[in-house]
Amino acid sequence: MEETSLLLLISGLTISPSRSQMFVGDSVSLSCEEDDGSAGWTVRRNTTRPQSECGDQWGKAAASSCNIDVVFTRDTGVYWCESREGATSNSINLTVTGGSVILQSPVLPVMEGDDLTLSCQSKPPSSLPAAFYKDGALIRTESTGHMTLHQVSRSDEGLYRCNMSGYGASPSSWISVTCEELTLMSTPISSTQSPDQTFSTFRESPAPFLSSLHLGFTLLLHLLVFPYFISTLLMVSLYQRRQR
């Protein structure tokens, strides 16, 4: 069994500006925030091209960060941090559009019970009303171009997009709602796993405790039942002798 070391990230992968959709021509900065600078975290991605790390024909690597001066639609894909040991962080889905509208939405999952604010942004900027959709169905139209969902629940998960009259529609982004804090422990990624699949918690196994409990119960059972069984046999034997 391959031994894996668990590494703790403070925030995992962060992106600036903090949104999952970008216009062609925007600049993007991705950073691996960690508590152990010796871990050697680098930014990697998986797009239409083969998986690669920052500095390999894309981006400029600087310590545990990666800067992309100008993004194109080919930069659309999944980004994550990876250490020298092969441990991975949370992943971010980045969408780069050549259109005129993007949806500004949280990069990470939203906590259940929190408020969720979505913004429709056009290029060039405008203050026109925007219509917001979830899974293809219209939610409502907001004159300010911003929409807030109060105290979200798991039912609010889905694909969101917006439409601004005269500019068009934004790409769709998946918004997740979680009922607990994001766990920051990560394990090495394998060839058959995605970064999201390797993002897991580390909990102490209760097996040793249960095994000891079972052993003690078995011993107690033997101590109580065996003498009772012997006593019963003796009583039956004495009774038969009296009858004779």
C-alpha atoms as a PDB file:
ATOM      1  CA  MET A   1       0.000   0.000   0.000  1.00  0.00           C
ATOM      2  CA  GLU A   2       1.466   3.339  -1.047  1.00  0.00           C
ATOM      3  CA  GLU A   3       2.209   5.633   1.877  1.00  0.00           C
ATOM      4  CA  THR A   4       0.750   9.139   1.545  1.00  0.00           C
ATOM      5  CA  SER A   5       1.643  12.207   3.580  1.00  0.00           C
ATOM      6  CA  LEU A   6      -1.125  14.642   4.540  1.00  0.00           C
ATOM      7  CA  LEU A   7      -0.280  18.322   4.044  1.00  0.00           C
ATOM      8  CA  LEU A   8      -2.280  21.201   5.483  1.00  0.00           C
ATOM      9  CA  LEU A   9      -3.156  24.197   3.324  1.00  0.00           C
ATOM     10  CA  ILE A  10      -4.415  27.410   4.870  1.00  0.00           C
ATOM     11  CA  SER A  11      -6.649  28.378   1.941  1.00  0.00           C
ATOM     12  CA  GLY A  12      -5.558  26.145  -0.917  1.00  0.00           C
ATOM     13  CA  LEU A  13      -5.691  27.718  -4.372  1.00  0.00           C
ATOM     14  CA  THR A  14      -6.844  31.345  -4.607  1.00  0.00           C
ATOM     15  CA  ILE A  15      -7.474  33.417  -7.713  1.00  0.00           C
ATOM     16  CA  SER A  16      -7.373  37.162  -8.347  1.00  0.00           C
ATOM     17  CA  PRO A  17      -9.668  38.684  -9.442  1.00  0.00           C
ATOM     18  CA  SER A  18     -11.840  36.383  -7.323  1.00  0.00           C
ATOM     19  CA  ARG A  19     -14.263  35.041  -9.910  1.00  0.00           C
ATOM     20  CA  SER A  20     -14.564  31.939 -12.058  1.00  0.00           C
ATOM     21  CA  GLN A  21     -15.315  33.737 -15.349  1.00  0.00           C
ATOM     22  CA  MET A  22     -12.938  36.065 -17.219  1.00  0.00           C
ATOM     23  CA  PHE A  23     -13.002  38.099 -20.412  1.00  0.00           C
ATOM     24  CA  VAL A  24     -10.443  37.407 -23.116  1.00  0.00           C
ATOM     25  CA  GLY A  25      -7.569  39.805 -22.457  1.00  0.00           C
ATOM     26  CA  ASP A  26      -7.930  39.843 -18.649  1.00  0.00           C
ATOM     27  CA  SER A  27      -4.926  39.146 -16.436  1.00  0.00           C
ATOM     28  CA  VAL A  28      -5.168  36.430 -13.756  1.00  0.00           C
ATOM     29  CA  SER A  29      -3.075  35.573 -10.716  1.00  0.00           C
ATOM     30  CA  LEU A  30      -3.277  32.174  -9.009  1.00  0.00           C
ATOM     31  CA  SER A  31      -1.627  31.494  -5.645  1.00  0.00           C
ATOM     32  CA  CYS A  32      -1.059  28.419  -3.490  1.00  0.00           C
ATOM     33  CA  GLU A  33      -1.464  29.609   0.099  1.00  0.00           C
ATOM     34  CA  GLU A  34       0.198  27.194   2.499  1.00  0.00           C
ATOM     35  CA  ASP A  35       1.541  26.878   6.020  1.00  0.00           C
ATOM     36  CA  ASP A  36       4.732  25.123   4.956  1.00  0.00           C
ATOM     37  CA  GLY A  37       6.765  26.982   2.363  1.00  0.00           C
ATOM     38  CA  SER A  38       9.092  23.989   2.001  1.00  0.00           C
ATOM     39  CA  ALA A  39       6.317  21.889   0.465  1.00  0.00           C
ATOM     40  CA  GLY A  40       7.092  23.316  -2.987  1.00  0.00           C
ATOM     41  CA  TRP A  41       3.557  23.891  -4.231  1.00  0.00           C
ATOM     42  CA  THR A  42       3.052  24.700  -7.919  1.00  0.00           C
ATOM     43  CA  VAL A  43      -0.021  25.613  -9.949  1.00  0.00           C
ATOM     44  CA  ARG A  44      -1.168  23.019 -12.462  1.00  0.00           C
ATOM     45  CA  ARG A  45      -4.051  22.920 -14.889  1.00  0.00           C
ATOM     46  CA  ASN A  46      -6.033  20.621 -17.151  1.00  0.00           C
ATOM     47  CA  THR A  47      -7.489  22.279 -20.263  1.00  0.00           C
ATOM     48  CA  THR A  48      -8.087  21.154 -23.844  1.00  0.00           C
ATOM     49  CA  ARG A  49      -4.332  20.655 -23.919  1.00  0.00           C
ATOM     50  CA  PRO A  50      -2.485  17.984 -21.888  1.00  0.00           C
ATOM     51  CA  GLN A  51      -2.118  18.568 -18.136  1.00  0.00           C
ATOM     52  CA  SER A  52       0.846  20.803 -17.328  1.00  0.00           C
ATOM     53  CA  GLU A  53       2.263  23.159 -14.692  1.00  0.00           C
ATOM     54  CA  CYS A  54       2.699  26.921 -14.667  1.00  0.00           C
ATOM     55  CA  GLY A  55       5.666  28.027 -16.753  1.00  0.00           C
ATOM     56  CA  ASP A  56       5.292  25.141 -19.182  1.00  0.00           C
ATOM     57  CA  GLN A  57       4.210  27.178 -22.246  1.00  0.00           C
ATOM     58  CA  TRP A  58       1.679  29.126 -20.147  1.00  0.00           C
ATOM     59  CA  GLY A  59       1.862  31.560 -17.228  1.00  0.00           C
ATOM     60  CA  LYS A  60       4.817  32.924 -15.281  1.00  0.00           C
ATOM     61  CA  ALA A  61       5.762  30.974 -12.162  1.00  0.00           C
ATOM     62  CA  ALA A  62       6.910  32.886  -9.066  1.00  0.00           C
ATOM     63  CA  ALA A  63       7.432  30.791  -5.899  1.00  0.00           C
ATOM     64  CA  SER A  64       4.009  29.220  -5.215  1.00  0.00           C
ATOM     65  CA  SER A  65       2.135  31.602  -7.528  1.00  0.00           C
ATOM     66  CA  CYS A  66       1.349  31.809 -11.224  1.00  0.00           C
ATOM     67  CA  ASN A  67       0.563  34.942 -13.219  1.00  0.00           C
ATOM     68  CA  ILE A  68      -1.143  34.938 -16.619  1.00  0.00           C
ATOM     69  CA  ASP A  69      -0.820  38.376 -18.188  1.00  0.00           C
ATOM     70  CA  VAL A  70      -3.426  37.788 -20.916  1.00  0.00           C
ATOM     71  CA  VAL A  71      -5.986  34.959 -20.915  1.00  0.00           C
ATOM     72  CA  PHE A  72      -7.635  33.404 -23.956  1.00  0.00           C
ATOM     73  CA  THR A  73     -10.468  30.940 -24.419  1.00  0.00           C
ATOM     74  CA  ARG A  74      -7.884  28.138 -24.572  1.00  0.00           C
ATOM     75  CA  ASP A  75      -7.074  28.895 -20.916  1.00  0.00           C
ATOM     76  CA  THR A  76     -10.509  27.603 -19.885  1.00  0.00           C
ATOM     77  CA  GLY A  77     -10.110  24.566 -17.623  1.00  0.00           C
ATOM     78  CA  VAL A  78      -9.460  23.223 -14.125  1.00  0.00           C
ATOM     79  CA  TYR A  79      -6.648  24.678 -11.989  1.00  0.00           C
ATOM     80  CA  TRP A  80      -5.179  23.361  -8.723  1.00  0.00           C
ATOM     81  CA  CYS A  81      -2.041  23.368  -6.551  1.00  0.00           C
ATOM     82  CA  GLU A  82       0.243  20.348  -6.319  1.00  0.00           C
ATOM     83  CA  SER A  83       3.216  19.678  -4.046  1.00  0.00           C
ATOM     84  CA  ARG A  84       6.444  17.854  -4.787  1.00  0.00           C
ATOM     85  CA  GLU A  85       5.009  14.822  -2.950  1.00  0.00           C
ATOM     86  CA  GLY A  86       1.958  14.798  -5.229  1.00  0.00           C
ATOM     87  CA  ALA A  87      -0.600  16.193  -2.743  1.00  0.00           C
ATOM     88  CA  THR A  88      -3.291  18.426  -4.254  1.00  0.00           C
ATOM     89  CA  SER A  89      -5.430  21.323  -3.098  1.00  0.00           C
ATOM     90  CA  ASN A  90      -8.964  22.361  -3.939  1.00  0.00           C
ATOM     91  CA  SER A  91      -9.562  22.998  -7.635  1.00  0.00           C
ATOM     92  CA  ILE A  92     -11.007  26.014  -9.454  1.00  0.00           C
ATOM     93  CA  ASN A  93     -12.927  25.892 -12.724  1.00  0.00           C
ATOM     94  CA  LEU A  94     -11.917  28.893 -14.828  1.00  0.00           C
ATOM     95  CA  THR A  95     -13.958  29.952 -17.860  1.00  0.00           C
ATOM     96  CA  VAL A  96     -12.604  32.501 -20.354  1.00  0.00           C
ATOM     97  CA  THR A  97     -15.157  33.922 -22.786  1.00  0.00           C
ATOM     98  CA  GLY A  98     -14.820  35.958 -25.934  1.00  0.00           C
ATOM     99  CA  GLY A  99     -18.323  37.340 -25.363  1.00  0.00           C
ATOM    100  CA  SER A 100     -19.409  40.605 -23.773  1.00  0.00           C
ATOM    101  CA  VAL A 101     -20.984  39.314 -20.524  1.00  0.00           C
ATOM    102  CA  ILE A 102     -19.692  37.331 -17.546  1.00  0.00           C
ATOM    103  CA  LEU A 103     -21.322  36.155 -14.340  1.00  0.00           C
ATOM    104  CA  GLN A 104     -19.453  37.072 -11.172  1.00  0.00           C
ATOM    105  CA  SER A 105     -20.004  34.191  -8.736  1.00  0.00           C
ATOM    106  CA  PRO A 106     -18.119  32.642  -5.784  1.00  0.00           C
ATOM    107  CA  VAL A 107     -15.128  30.526  -6.745  1.00  0.00           C
ATOM    108  CA  LEU A 108     -15.489  28.179  -3.747  1.00  0.00           C
ATOM    109  CA  PRO A 109     -18.656  26.445  -2.430  1.00  0.00           C
ATOM    110  CA  VAL A 110     -21.065  28.620  -0.440  1.00  0.00           C
ATOM    111  CA  MET A 111     -21.849  27.720   3.170  1.00  0.00           C
ATOM    112  CA  GLU A 112     -25.432  26.609   3.753  1.00  0.00           C
ATOM    113  CA  GLY A 113     -27.337  29.449   5.439  1.00  0.00           C
ATOM    114  CA  ASP A 114     -25.129  32.199   3.981  1.00  0.00           C
ATOM    115  CA  ASP A 115     -26.240  34.789   1.430  1.00  0.00           C
ATOM    116  CA  LEU A 116     -25.183  34.390  -2.197  1.00  0.00           C
ATOM    117  CA  THR A 117     -24.679  37.469  -4.390  1.00  0.00           C
ATOM    118  CA  LEU A 118     -24.365  37.186  -8.166  1.00  0.00           C
ATOM    119  CA  SER A 119     -23.412  40.027 -10.487  1.00  0.00           C
ATOM    120  CA  CYS A 120     -23.776  40.391 -14.235  1.00  0.00           C
ATOM    121  CA  GLN A 121     -20.868  42.317 -15.748  1.00  0.00           C
ATOM    122  CA  SER A 122     -20.619  43.543 -19.320  1.00  0.00           C
ATOM    123  CA  LYS A 123     -17.711  44.723 -21.448  1.00  0.00           C
ATOM    124  CA  PRO A 124     -17.687  47.677 -21.794  1.00  0.00           C
ATOM    125  CA  PRO A 125     -19.320  48.199 -18.357  1.00  0.00           C
ATOM    126  CA  SER A 126     -22.980  49.223 -18.251  1.00  0.00           C
ATOM    127  CA  SER A 127     -25.738  49.656 -15.666  1.00  0.00           C
ATOM    128  CA  LEU A 128     -28.479  47.850 -17.591  1.00  0.00           C
ATOM    129  CA  PRO A 129     -30.898  45.392 -15.928  1.00  0.00           C
ATOM    130  CA  ALA A 130     -29.877  41.729 -15.965  1.00  0.00           C
ATOM    131  CA  ALA A 131     -31.909  38.533 -15.976  1.00  0.00           C
ATOM    132  CA  PHE A 132     -30.599  35.625 -13.874  1.00  0.00           C
ATOM    133  CA  TYR A 133     -31.176  31.953 -14.681  1.00  0.00           C
ATOM    134  CA  LYS A 134     -30.682  28.689 -12.782  1.00  0.00           C
ATOM    135  CA  ASP A 135     -30.571  25.416 -14.724  1.00  0.00           C
ATOM    136  CA  GLY A 136     -32.080  27.229 -17.709  1.00  0.00           C
ATOM    137  CA  ALA A 137     -35.087  28.645 -15.812  1.00  0.00           C
ATOM    138  CA  LEU A 138     -35.503  32.377 -15.161  1.00  0.00           C
ATOM    139  CA  ILE A 139     -35.180  33.329 -11.499  1.00  0.00           C
ATOM    140  CA  ARG A 140     -35.841  37.069 -11.824  1.00  0.00           C
ATOM    141  CA  THR A 141     -34.626  40.265 -13.460  1.00  0.00           C
ATOM    142  CA  GLU A 142     -32.744  42.829 -11.398  1.00  0.00           C
ATOM    143  CA  SER A 143     -32.491  46.485 -12.460  1.00  0.00           C
ATOM    144  CA  THR A 144     -29.146  46.829 -10.640  1.00  0.00           C
ATOM    145  CA  GLY A 145     -27.485  43.875 -12.384  1.00  0.00           C
ATOM    146  CA  HIS A 146     -26.972  42.188  -8.979  1.00  0.00           C
ATOM    147  CA  MET A 147     -29.018  39.401  -7.402  1.00  0.00           C
ATOM    148  CA  THR A 148     -28.811  38.131  -3.811  1.00  0.00           C
ATOM    149  CA  LEU A 149     -30.181  34.788  -2.629  1.00  0.00           C
ATOM    150  CA  HIS A 150     -30.670  34.808   1.147  1.00  0.00           C
ATOM    151  CA  GLN A 151     -29.812  31.830   3.365  1.00  0.00           C
ATOM    152  CA  VAL A 152     -29.017  29.387   0.592  1.00  0.00           C
ATOM    153  CA  SER A 153     -29.561  25.641   0.947  1.00  0.00           C
ATOM    154  CA  ARG A 154     -28.511  22.572  -1.025  1.00  0.00           C
ATOM    155  CA  SER A 155     -31.504  23.103  -3.326  1.00  0.00           C
ATOM    156  CA  ASP A 156     -29.824  26.303  -4.577  1.00  0.00           C
ATOM    157  CA  GLU A 157     -26.990  24.315  -6.176  1.00  0.00           C
ATOM    158  CA  GLY A 158     -26.961  24.403  -9.954  1.00  0.00           C
ATOM    159  CA  LEU A 159     -25.834  26.060 -13.176  1.00  0.00           C
ATOM    160  CA  TYR A 160     -26.250  29.841 -13.132  1.00  0.00           C
ATOM    161  CA  ARG A 161     -25.955  32.385 -15.916  1.00  0.00           C
ATOM    162  CA  CYS A 162     -27.141  35.904 -16.626  1.00  0.00           C
ATOM    163  CA  ASN A 163     -28.351  37.847 -19.643  1.00  0.00           C
ATOM    164  CA  MET A 164     -27.985  41.568 -20.252  1.00  0.00           C
ATOM    165  CA  SER A 165     -30.142  43.110 -22.960  1.00  0.00           C
ATOM    166  CA  GLY A 166     -28.071  44.356 -25.869  1.00  0.00           C
ATOM    167  CA  TYR A 167     -24.949  42.502 -24.720  1.00  0.00           C
ATOM    168  CA  GLY A 168     -25.991  38.843 -24.626  1.00  0.00           C
ATOM    169  CA  ALA A 169     -25.661  35.995 -22.152  1.00  0.00           C
ATOM    170  CA  SER A 170     -22.786  34.919 -19.942  1.00  0.00           C
ATOM    171  CA  PRO A 171     -21.350  31.398 -19.823  1.00  0.00           C
ATOM    172  CA  SER A 172     -22.836  29.104 -17.161  1.00  0.00           C
ATOM    173  CA  SER A 173     -21.072  28.417 -13.858  1.00  0.00           C
ATOM    174  CA  TRP A 174     -21.824  25.663 -11.355  1.00  0.00           C
ATOM    175  CA  ILE A 175     -22.420  26.936  -7.820  1.00  0.00           C
ATOM    176  CA  SER A 176     -22.057  24.463  -4.951  1.00  0.00           C
ATOM    177  CA  VAL A 177     -23.538  24.748  -1.459  1.00  0.00           C
ATOM    178  CA  THR A 178     -21.873  22.914   1.413  1.00  0.00           C
ATOM    179  CA  CYS A 179     -23.202  22.219   4.908  1.00  0.00           C
ATOM    180  CA  GLU A 180     -19.782  22.183   6.568  1.00  0.00           C
ATOM    181  CA  GLU A 181     -16.465  23.981   6.449  1.00  0.00           C
ATOM    182  CA  LEU A 182     -14.138  22.988   3.613  1.00  0.00           C
ATOM    183  CA  THR A 183     -11.603  20.433   4.797  1.00  0.00           C
ATOM    184  CA  LEU A 184      -8.078  21.535   3.981  1.00  0.00           C
ATOM    185  CA  MET A 185      -6.339  18.165   4.123  1.00  0.00           C
ATOM    186  CA  SER A 186      -5.315  16.730   0.794  1.00  0.00           C
ATOM    187  CA  THR A 187      -3.854  13.507  -0.538  1.00  0.00           C
ATOM    188  CA  PRO A 188      -1.741  12.739  -3.611  1.00  0.00           C
ATOM    189  CA  ILE A 189      -3.616  12.665  -6.903  1.00  0.00           C
ATOM    190  CA  SER A 190      -3.483   9.486  -8.979  1.00  0.00           C
ATOM    191  CA  SER A 191      -3.874   9.008 -12.687  1.00  0.00           C
ATOM    192  CA  THR A 192      -7.476   7.834 -12.194  1.00  0.00           C
ATOM    193  CA  GLN A 193      -8.571  10.666  -9.882  1.00  0.00           C
ATOM    194  CA  SER A 194      -9.411  14.305 -10.394  1.00  0.00           C
ATOM    195  CA  PRO A 195      -8.309  16.978  -7.892  1.00  0.00           C
ATOM    196  CA  ASP A 196     -11.884  17.157  -6.553  1.00  0.00           C
ATOM    197  CA  GLN A 197     -11.929  13.400  -5.893  1.00  0.00           C
ATOM    198  CA  THR A 198      -8.677  13.524  -3.928  1.00  0.00           C
ATOM    199  CA  PHE A 199      -9.858  16.337  -1.656  1.00  0.00           C
ATOM    200  CA  SER A 200     -10.640  14.358   1.515  1.00  0.00           C
ATOM    201  CA  THR A 201     -10.667  14.397   5.310  1.00  0.00           C
ATOM    202  CA  PHE A 202      -8.378  12.501   7.651  1.00  0.00           C
ATOM    203  CA  ARG A 203     -10.134  10.873  10.592  1.00  0.00           C
ATOM    204  CA  GLU A 204      -8.771   8.459  13.170  1.00  0.00           C
ATOM    205  CA  SER A 205     -10.117   4.965  12.590  1.00  0.00           C
ATOM    206  CA  PRO A 206     -12.334   3.595  15.408  1.00  0.00           C
ATOM    207  CA  ALA A 207     -11.365   0.008  14.545  1.00  0.00           C
ATOM    208  CA  PRO A 208      -8.804  -0.542  17.409  1.00  0.00           C
ATOM    209  CA  PHE A 209     -11.296   0.695  20.012  1.00  0.00           C
ATOM    210  CA  LEU A 210     -14.100  -1.490  18.682  1.00  0.00           C
ATOM    211  CA  SER A 211     -11.799  -4.508  18.563  1.00  0.00           C
ATOM    212  CA  SER A 212     -10.795  -4.075  22.237  1.00  0.00           C
ATOM    213  CA  LEU A 213     -14.417  -3.645  23.254  1.00  0.00           C
ATOM    214  CA  HIS A 214     -15.413  -6.816  21.458  1.00  0.00           C
ATOM    215  CA  LEU A 215     -12.594  -8.789  23.104  1.00  0.00           C
ATOM    216  CA  GLY A 216     -13.577  -7.603  26.581  1.00  0.00           C
ATOM    217  CA  PHE A 217     -17.218  -8.449  26.016  1.00  0.00           C
ATOM    218  CA  THR A 218     -16.315 -11.950  24.797  1.00  0.00           C
ATOM    219  CA  LEU A 219     -14.125 -12.592  27.869  1.00  0.00           C
ATOM    220  CA  LEU A 220     -16.868 -11.415  30.241  1.00  0.00           C
ATOM    221  CA  LEU A 221     -19.376 -13.641  28.502  1.00  0.00           C
ATOM    222  CA  HIS A 222     -17.166 -16.691  28.968  1.00  0.00           C
ATOM    223  CA  LEU A 223     -16.577 -15.916  32.660  1.00  0.00           C
ATOM    224  CA  LEU A 224     -20.307 -15.660  33.353  1.00  0.00           C
ATOM    225  CA  VAL A 225     -21.753 -18.371  31.149  1.00  0.00           C
ATOM    226  CA  PHE A 226     -19.204 -21.170  31.692  1.00  0.00           C
ATOM    227  CA  PRO A 227     -19.642 -21.441  35.528  1.00  0.00           C
ATOM    228  CA  TYR A 228     -23.415 -21.264  35.107  1.00  0.00           C
ATOM    229  CA  PHE A 229     -23.293 -24.124  32.612  1.00  0.00           C
ATOM    230  CA  ILE A 230     -21.186 -26.319  34.956  1.00  0.00           C
ATOM    231  CA  SER A 231     -23.489 -25.586  37.913  1.00  0.00           C
ATOM    232  CA  THR A 232     -26.531 -26.571  35.879  1.00  0.00           C
ATOM    233  CA  LEU A 233     -24.966 -29.905  34.907  1.00  0.00           C
ATOM    234  CA  LEU A 234     -24.107 -30.704  38.566  1.00  0.00           C
ATOM    235  CA  MET A 235     -27.641 -29.899  39.748  1.00  0.00           C
ATOM    236  CA  VAL A 236     -29.171 -32.097  37.064  1.00  0.00           C
ATOM    237  CA  SER A 237     -26.806 -34.960  37.994  1.00  0.00           C
ATOM    238  CA  LEU A 238     -27.620 -34.694  41.731  1.00  0.00           C
ATOM    239  CA  TYR A 239     -31.332 -34.613  41.003  1.00  0.00           C
ATOM    240  CA  GLN A 240     -31.132 -37.778  38.908  1.00  0.00           C
ATOM    241  CA  ARG A 241     -29.239 -39.566  41.684  1.00  0.00           C
ATOM    242  CA  ARG A 242     -31.925 -38.651  44.251  1.00  0.00           C
ATOM    243  CA  GLN A 243     -34.625 -39.985  41.984  1.00  0.00           C
ATOM    244  CA  ARG A 244     -32.865 -43.317  41.795  1.00  0.00           C
END
